[in-house]
Amino acid sequence: MDLKTARLFRGALDEAAQDGKPRLIVDMSEVPFMDSSGLAALIGAQKALREATQLIVVCPDNLRRIFEVTRLDSIVSLVASLPEALVA
């Protein structure tokens, strides 16, 4: 996920957020790379969802360190797999 794809990603997050469901699961298990624009899209979504919807990210090991270094793991729920997200 980079500058090119982050805009589409943010649009999809915004659209999903309008459903008003209690959880929004973002499956990033197939994402090999993410730069700051992808992080910004997630942060923006988290801010928009803050009270109404819990943001859960399926985060593979290759991205987990990015979430930890930026402390994004303190504001979104990270899980290792989609089945884990579904029961979270």
PDB file of N, CA and C in Angstrom:
ATOM      1  N   MET A   1       0.851  -1.156   0.000  1.00  0.00           N
ATOM      2  CA  MET A   1       0.000   0.000   0.000  1.00  0.00           C
ATOM      3  C   MET A   1       0.905   1.229   0.000  1.00  0.00           C
ATOM      4  N   ASP A   2       0.697   2.061  -0.981  1.00  0.00           N
ATOM      5  CA  ASP A   2       1.515   3.254  -1.117  1.00  0.00           C
ATOM      6  C   ASP A   2       0.624   4.436  -1.500  1.00  0.00           C
ATOM      7  N   LEU A   3       1.253   5.518  -1.902  1.00  0.00           N
ATOM      8  CA  LEU A   3       0.520   6.735  -2.225  1.00  0.00           C
ATOM      9  C   LEU A   3      -0.558   6.497  -3.287  1.00  0.00           C
ATOM     10  N   LYS A   4      -0.270   5.658  -4.272  1.00  0.00           N
ATOM     11  CA  LYS A   4      -1.236   5.380  -5.339  1.00  0.00           C
ATOM     12  C   LYS A   4      -2.480   4.658  -4.821  1.00  0.00           C
ATOM     13  N   THR A   5      -2.288   3.673  -4.000  1.00  0.00           N
ATOM     14  CA  THR A   5      -3.409   2.852  -3.554  1.00  0.00           C
ATOM     15  C   THR A   5      -4.075   3.367  -2.281  1.00  0.00           C
ATOM     16  N   ALA A   6      -3.389   4.205  -1.526  1.00  0.00           N
ATOM     17  CA  ALA A   6      -3.939   4.686  -0.252  1.00  0.00           C
ATOM     18  C   ALA A   6      -5.215   5.499  -0.449  1.00  0.00           C
ATOM     19  N   ARG A   7      -5.309   6.249  -1.518  1.00  0.00           N
ATOM     20  CA  ARG A   7      -6.517   7.050  -1.767  1.00  0.00           C
ATOM     21  C   ARG A   7      -7.731   6.134  -1.978  1.00  0.00           C
ATOM     22  N   LEU A   8      -7.545   5.076  -2.746  1.00  0.00           N
ATOM     23  CA  LEU A   8      -8.634   4.107  -2.951  1.00  0.00           C
ATOM     24  C   LEU A   8      -8.981   3.395  -1.648  1.00  0.00           C
ATOM     25  N   PHE A   9      -7.952   3.064  -0.884  1.00  0.00           N
ATOM     26  CA  PHE A   9      -8.124   2.403   0.399  1.00  0.00           C
ATOM     27  C   PHE A   9      -8.934   3.282   1.344  1.00  0.00           C
ATOM     28  N   ARG A  10      -8.581   4.546   1.422  1.00  0.00           N
ATOM     29  CA  ARG A  10      -9.305   5.475   2.303  1.00  0.00           C
ATOM     30  C   ARG A  10     -10.755   5.623   1.868  1.00  0.00           C
ATOM     31  N   GLY A  11     -10.979   5.672   0.568  1.00  0.00           N
ATOM     32  CA  GLY A  11     -12.345   5.749   0.069  1.00  0.00           C
ATOM     33  C   GLY A  11     -13.166   4.527   0.464  1.00  0.00           C
ATOM     34  N   ALA A  12     -12.558   3.348   0.378  1.00  0.00           N
ATOM     35  CA  ALA A  12     -13.243   2.118   0.768  1.00  0.00           C
ATOM     36  C   ALA A  12     -13.520   2.113   2.269  1.00  0.00           C
ATOM     37  N   LEU A  13     -12.572   2.602   3.062  1.00  0.00           N
ATOM     38  CA  LEU A  13     -12.778   2.686   4.513  1.00  0.00           C
ATOM     39  C   LEU A  13     -13.914   3.647   4.841  1.00  0.00           C
ATOM     40  N   ASP A  14     -13.930   4.802   4.186  1.00  0.00           N
ATOM     41  CA  ASP A  14     -14.989   5.784   4.422  1.00  0.00           C
ATOM     42  C   ASP A  14     -16.358   5.209   4.067  1.00  0.00           C
ATOM     43  N   GLU A  15     -16.421   4.495   2.952  1.00  0.00           N
ATOM     44  CA  GLU A  15     -17.686   3.891   2.532  1.00  0.00           C
ATOM     45  C   GLU A  15     -18.149   2.833   3.536  1.00  0.00           C
ATOM     46  N   ALA A  16     -17.230   2.003   3.977  1.00  0.00           N
ATOM     47  CA  ALA A  16     -17.569   0.960   4.950  1.00  0.00           C
ATOM     48  C   ALA A  16     -17.987   1.567   6.280  1.00  0.00           C
ATOM     49  N   ALA A  17     -17.389   2.687   6.641  1.00  0.00           N
ATOM     50  CA  ALA A  17     -17.706   3.337   7.918  1.00  0.00           C
ATOM     51  C   ALA A  17     -19.134   3.858   7.950  1.00  0.00           C
ATOM     52  N   GLN A  18     -19.688   4.162   6.806  1.00  0.00           N
ATOM     53  CA  GLN A  18     -21.039   4.706   6.750  1.00  0.00           C
ATOM     54  C   GLN A  18     -22.110   3.662   7.036  1.00  0.00           C
ATOM     55  N   ASP A  19     -21.729   2.390   7.057  1.00  0.00           N
ATOM     56  CA  ASP A  19     -22.694   1.331   7.344  1.00  0.00           C
ATOM     57  C   ASP A  19     -23.184   1.355   8.787  1.00  0.00           C
ATOM     58  N   GLY A  20     -22.388   1.951   9.687  1.00  0.00           N
ATOM     59  CA  GLY A  20     -22.789   2.061  11.078  1.00  0.00           C
ATOM     60  C   GLY A  20     -22.711   0.763  11.861  1.00  0.00           C
ATOM     61  N   LYS A  21     -21.952  -0.180  11.381  1.00  0.00           N
ATOM     62  CA  LYS A  21     -21.806  -1.457  12.091  1.00  0.00           C
ATOM     63  C   LYS A  21     -20.855  -1.285  13.274  1.00  0.00           C
ATOM     64  N   PRO A  22     -20.944  -2.142  14.279  1.00  0.00           N
ATOM     65  CA  PRO A  22     -20.118  -1.980  15.478  1.00  0.00           C
ATOM     66  C   PRO A  22     -18.638  -2.305  15.270  1.00  0.00           C
ATOM     67  N   ARG A  23     -18.321  -3.060  14.203  1.00  0.00           N
ATOM     68  CA  ARG A  23     -16.919  -3.395  13.924  1.00  0.00           C
ATOM     69  C   ARG A  23     -16.631  -3.228  12.444  1.00  0.00           C
ATOM     70  N   LEU A  24     -15.418  -2.776  12.151  1.00  0.00           N
ATOM     71  CA  LEU A  24     -14.928  -2.721  10.781  1.00  0.00           C
ATOM     72  C   LEU A  24     -13.619  -3.503  10.766  1.00  0.00           C
ATOM     73  N   ILE A  25     -13.604  -4.604  10.021  1.00  0.00           N
ATOM     74  CA  ILE A  25     -12.411  -5.441   9.934  1.00  0.00           C
ATOM     75  C   ILE A  25     -11.695  -5.130   8.630  1.00  0.00           C
ATOM     76  N   VAL A  26     -10.414  -4.800   8.748  1.00  0.00           N
ATOM     77  CA  VAL A  26      -9.573  -4.527   7.588  1.00  0.00           C
ATOM     78  C   VAL A  26      -8.562  -5.669   7.494  1.00  0.00           C
ATOM     79  N   ASP A  27      -8.703  -6.487   6.458  1.00  0.00           N
ATOM     80  CA  ASP A  27      -7.822  -7.647   6.281  1.00  0.00           C
ATOM     81  C   ASP A  27      -6.615  -7.234   5.441  1.00  0.00           C
ATOM     82  N   MET A  28      -5.487  -7.092   6.096  1.00  0.00           N
ATOM     83  CA  MET A  28      -4.248  -6.701   5.413  1.00  0.00           C
ATOM     84  C   MET A  28      -3.292  -7.887   5.278  1.00  0.00           C
ATOM     85  N   SER A  29      -3.835  -9.092   5.397  1.00  0.00           N
ATOM     86  CA  SER A  29      -2.986 -10.286   5.387  1.00  0.00           C
ATOM     87  C   SER A  29      -2.242 -10.485   4.067  1.00  0.00           C
ATOM     88  N   GLU A  30      -2.716  -9.900   2.991  1.00  0.00           N
ATOM     89  CA  GLU A  30      -2.053 -10.040   1.689  1.00  0.00           C
ATOM     90  C   GLU A  30      -1.278  -8.784   1.287  1.00  0.00           C
ATOM     91  N   VAL A  31      -1.130  -7.841   2.204  1.00  0.00           N
ATOM     92  CA  VAL A  31      -0.416  -6.595   1.896  1.00  0.00           C
ATOM     93  C   VAL A  31       1.074  -6.790   2.193  1.00  0.00           C
ATOM     94  N   PRO A  32       1.922  -6.752   1.160  1.00  0.00           N
ATOM     95  CA  PRO A  32       3.346  -6.989   1.383  1.00  0.00           C
ATOM     96  C   PRO A  32       4.106  -5.757   1.876  1.00  0.00           C
ATOM     97  N   PHE A  33       3.545  -4.557   1.647  1.00  0.00           N
ATOM     98  CA  PHE A  33       4.253  -3.315   1.970  1.00  0.00           C
ATOM     99  C   PHE A  33       3.234  -2.231   2.265  1.00  0.00           C
ATOM    100  N   MET A  34       3.553  -1.351   3.218  1.00  0.00           N
ATOM    101  CA  MET A  34       2.702  -0.207   3.489  1.00  0.00           C
ATOM    102  C   MET A  34       3.587   0.972   3.883  1.00  0.00           C
ATOM    103  N   ASP A  35       3.344   2.112   3.251  1.00  0.00           N
ATOM    104  CA  ASP A  35       4.094   3.310   3.621  1.00  0.00           C
ATOM    105  C   ASP A  35       3.221   4.228   4.474  1.00  0.00           C
ATOM    106  N   SER A  36       3.693   5.424   4.703  1.00  0.00           N
ATOM    107  CA  SER A  36       2.993   6.349   5.598  1.00  0.00           C
ATOM    108  C   SER A  36       1.616   6.750   5.082  1.00  0.00           C
ATOM    109  N   SER A  37       1.397   6.709   3.785  1.00  0.00           N
ATOM    110  CA  SER A  37       0.073   7.073   3.270  1.00  0.00           C
ATOM    111  C   SER A  37      -0.967   6.019   3.646  1.00  0.00           C
ATOM    112  N   GLY A  38      -0.571   4.773   3.712  1.00  0.00           N
ATOM    113  CA  GLY A  38      -1.476   3.722   4.182  1.00  0.00           C
ATOM    114  C   GLY A  38      -1.792   3.887   5.654  1.00  0.00           C
ATOM    115  N   LEU A  39      -0.768   4.222   6.441  1.00  0.00           N
ATOM    116  CA  LEU A  39      -0.978   4.490   7.862  1.00  0.00           C
ATOM    117  C   LEU A  39      -1.910   5.682   8.054  1.00  0.00           C
ATOM    118  N   ALA A  40      -1.707   6.720   7.248  1.00  0.00           N
ATOM    119  CA  ALA A  40      -2.561   7.906   7.351  1.00  0.00           C
ATOM    120  C   ALA A  40      -4.014   7.564   7.047  1.00  0.00           C
ATOM    121  N   ALA A  41      -4.247   6.688   6.089  1.00  0.00           N
ATOM    122  CA  ALA A  41      -5.616   6.276   5.770  1.00  0.00           C
ATOM    123  C   ALA A  41      -6.252   5.559   6.953  1.00  0.00           C
ATOM    124  N   LEU A  42      -5.489   4.689   7.607  1.00  0.00           N
ATOM    125  CA  LEU A  42      -6.018   3.983   8.785  1.00  0.00           C
ATOM    126  C   LEU A  42      -6.265   4.928   9.952  1.00  0.00           C
ATOM    127  N   ILE A  43      -5.367   5.872  10.156  1.00  0.00           N
ATOM    128  CA  ILE A  43      -5.535   6.841  11.237  1.00  0.00           C
ATOM    129  C   ILE A  43      -6.773   7.701  10.989  1.00  0.00           C
ATOM    130  N   GLY A  44      -6.943   8.143   9.755  1.00  0.00           N
ATOM    131  CA  GLY A  44      -8.122   8.927   9.412  1.00  0.00           C
ATOM    132  C   GLY A  44      -9.395   8.144   9.625  1.00  0.00           C
ATOM    133  N   ALA A  45      -9.379   6.884   9.251  1.00  0.00           N
ATOM    134  CA  ALA A  45     -10.559   6.034   9.457  1.00  0.00           C
ATOM    135  C   ALA A  45     -10.829   5.844  10.935  1.00  0.00           C
ATOM    136  N   GLN A  46      -9.779   5.632  11.708  1.00  0.00           N
ATOM    137  CA  GLN A  46      -9.961   5.443  13.151  1.00  0.00           C
ATOM    138  C   GLN A  46     -10.567   6.689  13.790  1.00  0.00           C
ATOM    139  N   LYS A  47     -10.109   7.841  13.375  1.00  0.00           N
ATOM    140  CA  LYS A  47     -10.665   9.084  13.916  1.00  0.00           C
ATOM    141  C   LYS A  47     -12.140   9.215  13.558  1.00  0.00           C
ATOM    142  N   ALA A  48     -12.493   8.857  12.337  1.00  0.00           N
ATOM    143  CA  ALA A  48     -13.890   8.960  11.903  1.00  0.00           C
ATOM    144  C   ALA A  48     -14.779   7.946  12.619  1.00  0.00           C
ATOM    145  N   LEU A  49     -14.212   6.801  12.971  1.00  0.00           N
ATOM    146  CA  LEU A  49     -14.986   5.729  13.586  1.00  0.00           C
ATOM    147  C   LEU A  49     -14.954   5.737  15.101  1.00  0.00           C
ATOM    148  N   ARG A  50     -14.117   6.550  15.677  1.00  0.00           N
ATOM    149  CA  ARG A  50     -13.722   6.494  17.085  1.00  0.00           C
ATOM    150  C   ARG A  50     -14.795   5.962  18.036  1.00  0.00           C
ATOM    151  N   GLU A  51     -15.945   6.530  18.040  1.00  0.00           N
ATOM    152  CA  GLU A  51     -16.931   6.142  19.052  1.00  0.00           C
ATOM    153  C   GLU A  51     -17.924   5.095  18.561  1.00  0.00           C
ATOM    154  N   ALA A  52     -18.244   5.123  17.302  1.00  0.00           N
ATOM    155  CA  ALA A  52     -19.324   4.269  16.820  1.00  0.00           C
ATOM    156  C   ALA A  52     -18.881   2.863  16.421  1.00  0.00           C
ATOM    157  N   THR A  53     -17.662   2.728  15.933  1.00  0.00           N
ATOM    158  CA  THR A  53     -17.227   1.466  15.347  1.00  0.00           C
ATOM    159  C   THR A  53     -15.812   1.124  15.778  1.00  0.00           C
ATOM    160  N   GLN A  54     -15.589  -0.135  16.109  1.00  0.00           N
ATOM    161  CA  GLN A  54     -14.247  -0.612  16.454  1.00  0.00           C
ATOM    162  C   GLN A  54     -13.533  -1.016  15.168  1.00  0.00           C
ATOM    163  N   LEU A  55     -12.323  -0.506  14.979  1.00  0.00           N
ATOM    164  CA  LEU A  55     -11.502  -0.849  13.823  1.00  0.00           C
ATOM    165  C   LEU A  55     -10.577  -1.992  14.221  1.00  0.00           C
ATOM    166  N   ILE A  56     -10.692  -3.108  13.513  1.00  0.00           N
ATOM    167  CA  ILE A  56      -9.858  -4.284  13.750  1.00  0.00           C
ATOM    168  C   ILE A  56      -9.051  -4.543  12.483  1.00  0.00           C
ATOM    169  N   VAL A  57      -7.739  -4.663  12.629  1.00  0.00           N
ATOM    170  CA  VAL A  57      -6.855  -4.871  11.482  1.00  0.00           C
ATOM    171  C   VAL A  57      -6.212  -6.255  11.573  1.00  0.00           C
ATOM    172  N   VAL A  58      -6.429  -7.053  10.525  1.00  0.00           N
ATOM    173  CA  VAL A  58      -5.711  -8.313  10.402  1.00  0.00           C
ATOM    174  C   VAL A  58      -4.330  -7.938   9.878  1.00  0.00           C
ATOM    175  N   CYS A  59      -3.357  -8.088  10.746  1.00  0.00           N
ATOM    176  CA  CYS A  59      -2.027  -7.548  10.481  1.00  0.00           C
ATOM    177  C   CYS A  59      -0.992  -8.675  10.394  1.00  0.00           C
ATOM    178  N   PRO A  60      -0.409  -8.885   9.221  1.00  0.00           N
ATOM    179  CA  PRO A  60       0.623  -9.906   9.102  1.00  0.00           C
ATOM    180  C   PRO A  60       1.906  -9.467   9.804  1.00  0.00           C
ATOM    181  N   ASP A  61       2.772 -10.415  10.077  1.00  0.00           N
ATOM    182  CA  ASP A  61       4.021 -10.120  10.781  1.00  0.00           C
ATOM    183  C   ASP A  61       4.855  -9.052  10.083  1.00  0.00           C
ATOM    184  N   ASN A  62       4.844  -9.043   8.742  1.00  0.00           N
ATOM    185  CA  ASN A  62       5.677  -8.081   8.020  1.00  0.00           C
ATOM    186  C   ASN A  62       5.220  -6.633   8.211  1.00  0.00           C
ATOM    187  N   LEU A  63       3.989  -6.414   8.640  1.00  0.00           N
ATOM    188  CA  LEU A  63       3.498  -5.044   8.878  1.00  0.00           C
ATOM    189  C   LEU A  63       3.403  -4.695  10.360  1.00  0.00           C
ATOM    190  N   ARG A  64       3.404  -5.681  11.204  1.00  0.00           N
ATOM    191  CA  ARG A  64       3.204  -5.445  12.640  1.00  0.00           C
ATOM    192  C   ARG A  64       4.203  -4.445  13.208  1.00  0.00           C
ATOM    193  N   ARG A  65       5.439  -4.536  12.810  1.00  0.00           N
ATOM    194  CA  ARG A  65       6.471  -3.629  13.335  1.00  0.00           C
ATOM    195  C   ARG A  65       6.144  -2.163  13.015  1.00  0.00           C
ATOM    196  N   ILE A  66       5.594  -1.909  11.839  1.00  0.00           N
ATOM    197  CA  ILE A  66       5.204  -0.544  11.459  1.00  0.00           C
ATOM    198  C   ILE A  66       4.150  -0.010  12.424  1.00  0.00           C
ATOM    199  N   PHE A  67       3.178  -0.841  12.753  1.00  0.00           N
ATOM    200  CA  PHE A  67       2.128  -0.440  13.684  1.00  0.00           C
ATOM    201  C   PHE A  67       2.703  -0.183  15.083  1.00  0.00           C
ATOM    202  N   GLU A  68       3.660  -1.001  15.485  1.00  0.00           N
ATOM    203  CA  GLU A  68       4.262  -0.850  16.805  1.00  0.00           C
ATOM    204  C   GLU A  68       5.133   0.398  16.889  1.00  0.00           C
ATOM    205  N   VAL A  69       5.975   0.632  15.898  1.00  0.00           N
ATOM    206  CA  VAL A  69       6.872   1.792  15.905  1.00  0.00           C
ATOM    207  C   VAL A  69       6.090   3.098  15.893  1.00  0.00           C
ATOM    208  N   THR A  70       5.011   3.132  15.143  1.00  0.00           N
ATOM    209  CA  THR A  70       4.201   4.353  15.047  1.00  0.00           C
ATOM    210  C   THR A  70       3.158   4.451  16.158  1.00  0.00           C
ATOM    211  N   ARG A  71       3.093   3.422  16.997  1.00  0.00           N
ATOM    212  CA  ARG A  71       2.131   3.326  18.096  1.00  0.00           C
ATOM    213  C   ARG A  71       0.681   3.273  17.630  1.00  0.00           C
ATOM    214  N   LEU A  72       0.496   2.968  16.373  1.00  0.00           N
ATOM    215  CA  LEU A  72      -0.862   2.791  15.861  1.00  0.00           C
ATOM    216  C   LEU A  72      -1.513   1.570  16.499  1.00  0.00           C
ATOM    217  N   ASP A  73      -0.686   0.653  16.981  1.00  0.00           N
ATOM    218  CA  ASP A  73      -1.231  -0.528  17.659  1.00  0.00           C
ATOM    219  C   ASP A  73      -1.937  -0.170  18.966  1.00  0.00           C
ATOM    220  N   SER A  74      -1.749   1.044  19.446  1.00  0.00           N
ATOM    221  CA  SER A  74      -2.429   1.460  20.675  1.00  0.00           C
ATOM    222  C   SER A  74      -3.824   2.046  20.408  1.00  0.00           C
ATOM    223  N   ILE A  75      -4.130   2.330  19.132  1.00  0.00           N
ATOM    224  CA  ILE A  75      -5.446   2.909  18.840  1.00  0.00           C
ATOM    225  C   ILE A  75      -6.306   2.027  17.935  1.00  0.00           C
ATOM    226  N   VAL A  76      -5.711   1.008  17.325  1.00  0.00           N
ATOM    227  CA  VAL A  76      -6.500   0.032  16.562  1.00  0.00           C
ATOM    228  C   VAL A  76      -6.211  -1.355  17.123  1.00  0.00           C
ATOM    229  N   SER A  77      -7.163  -2.233  16.974  1.00  0.00           N
ATOM    230  CA  SER A  77      -6.971  -3.605  17.423  1.00  0.00           C
ATOM    231  C   SER A  77      -6.277  -4.395  16.324  1.00  0.00           C
ATOM    232  N   LEU A  78      -5.142  -4.998  16.648  1.00  0.00           N
ATOM    233  CA  LEU A  78      -4.420  -5.835  15.700  1.00  0.00           C
ATOM    234  C   LEU A  78      -4.643  -7.296  16.044  1.00  0.00           C
ATOM    235  N   VAL A  79      -4.923  -8.090  15.026  1.00  0.00           N
ATOM    236  CA  VAL A  79      -5.069  -9.530  15.197  1.00  0.00           C
ATOM    237  C   VAL A  79      -4.255 -10.220  14.107  1.00  0.00           C
ATOM    238  N   ALA A  80      -3.947 -11.481  14.328  1.00  0.00           N
ATOM    239  CA  ALA A  80      -3.076 -12.212  13.410  1.00  0.00           C
ATOM    240  C   ALA A  80      -3.818 -12.864  12.245  1.00  0.00           C
ATOM    241  N   SER A  81      -5.128 -13.082  12.404  1.00  0.00           N
ATOM    242  CA  SER A  81      -5.849 -13.792  11.341  1.00  0.00           C
ATOM    243  C   SER A  81      -7.294 -13.313  11.251  1.00  0.00           C
ATOM    244  N   LEU A  82      -7.909 -13.591  10.129  1.00  0.00           N
ATOM    245  CA  LEU A  82      -9.313 -13.215   9.940  1.00  0.00           C
ATOM    246  C   LEU A  82     -10.242 -13.941  10.913  1.00  0.00           C
ATOM    247  N   PRO A  83     -10.042 -15.250  11.151  1.00  0.00           N
ATOM    248  CA  PRO A  83     -10.906 -15.903  12.148  1.00  0.00           C
ATOM    249  C   PRO A  83     -10.800 -15.236  13.524  1.00  0.00           C
ATOM    250  N   GLU A  84      -9.609 -14.814  13.885  1.00  0.00           N
ATOM    251  CA  GLU A  84      -9.435 -14.118  15.167  1.00  0.00           C
ATOM    252  C   GLU A  84     -10.182 -12.788  15.174  1.00  0.00           C
ATOM    253  N   ALA A  85     -10.182 -12.090  14.049  1.00  0.00           N
ATOM    254  CA  ALA A  85     -10.905 -10.816  13.940  1.00  0.00           C
ATOM    255  C   ALA A  85     -12.405 -11.015  14.064  1.00  0.00           C
ATOM    256  N   LEU A  86     -12.890 -12.094  13.512  1.00  0.00           N
ATOM    257  CA  LEU A  86     -14.330 -12.352  13.523  1.00  0.00           C
ATOM    258  C   LEU A  86     -14.867 -12.652  14.924  1.00  0.00           C
ATOM    259  N   VAL A  87     -14.009 -13.150  15.799  1.00  0.00           N
ATOM    260  CA  VAL A  87     -14.451 -13.419  17.178  1.00  0.00           C
ATOM    261  C   VAL A  87     -14.036 -12.321  18.144  1.00  0.00           C
ATOM    262  N   ALA A  88     -13.275 -11.344  17.661  1.00  0.00           N
ATOM    263  CA  ALA A  88     -12.795 -10.254  18.533  1.00  0.00           C
ATOM    264  C   ALA A  88     -13.955  -9.421  19.034  1.00  0.00           C
TER     265      ALA A  88
END
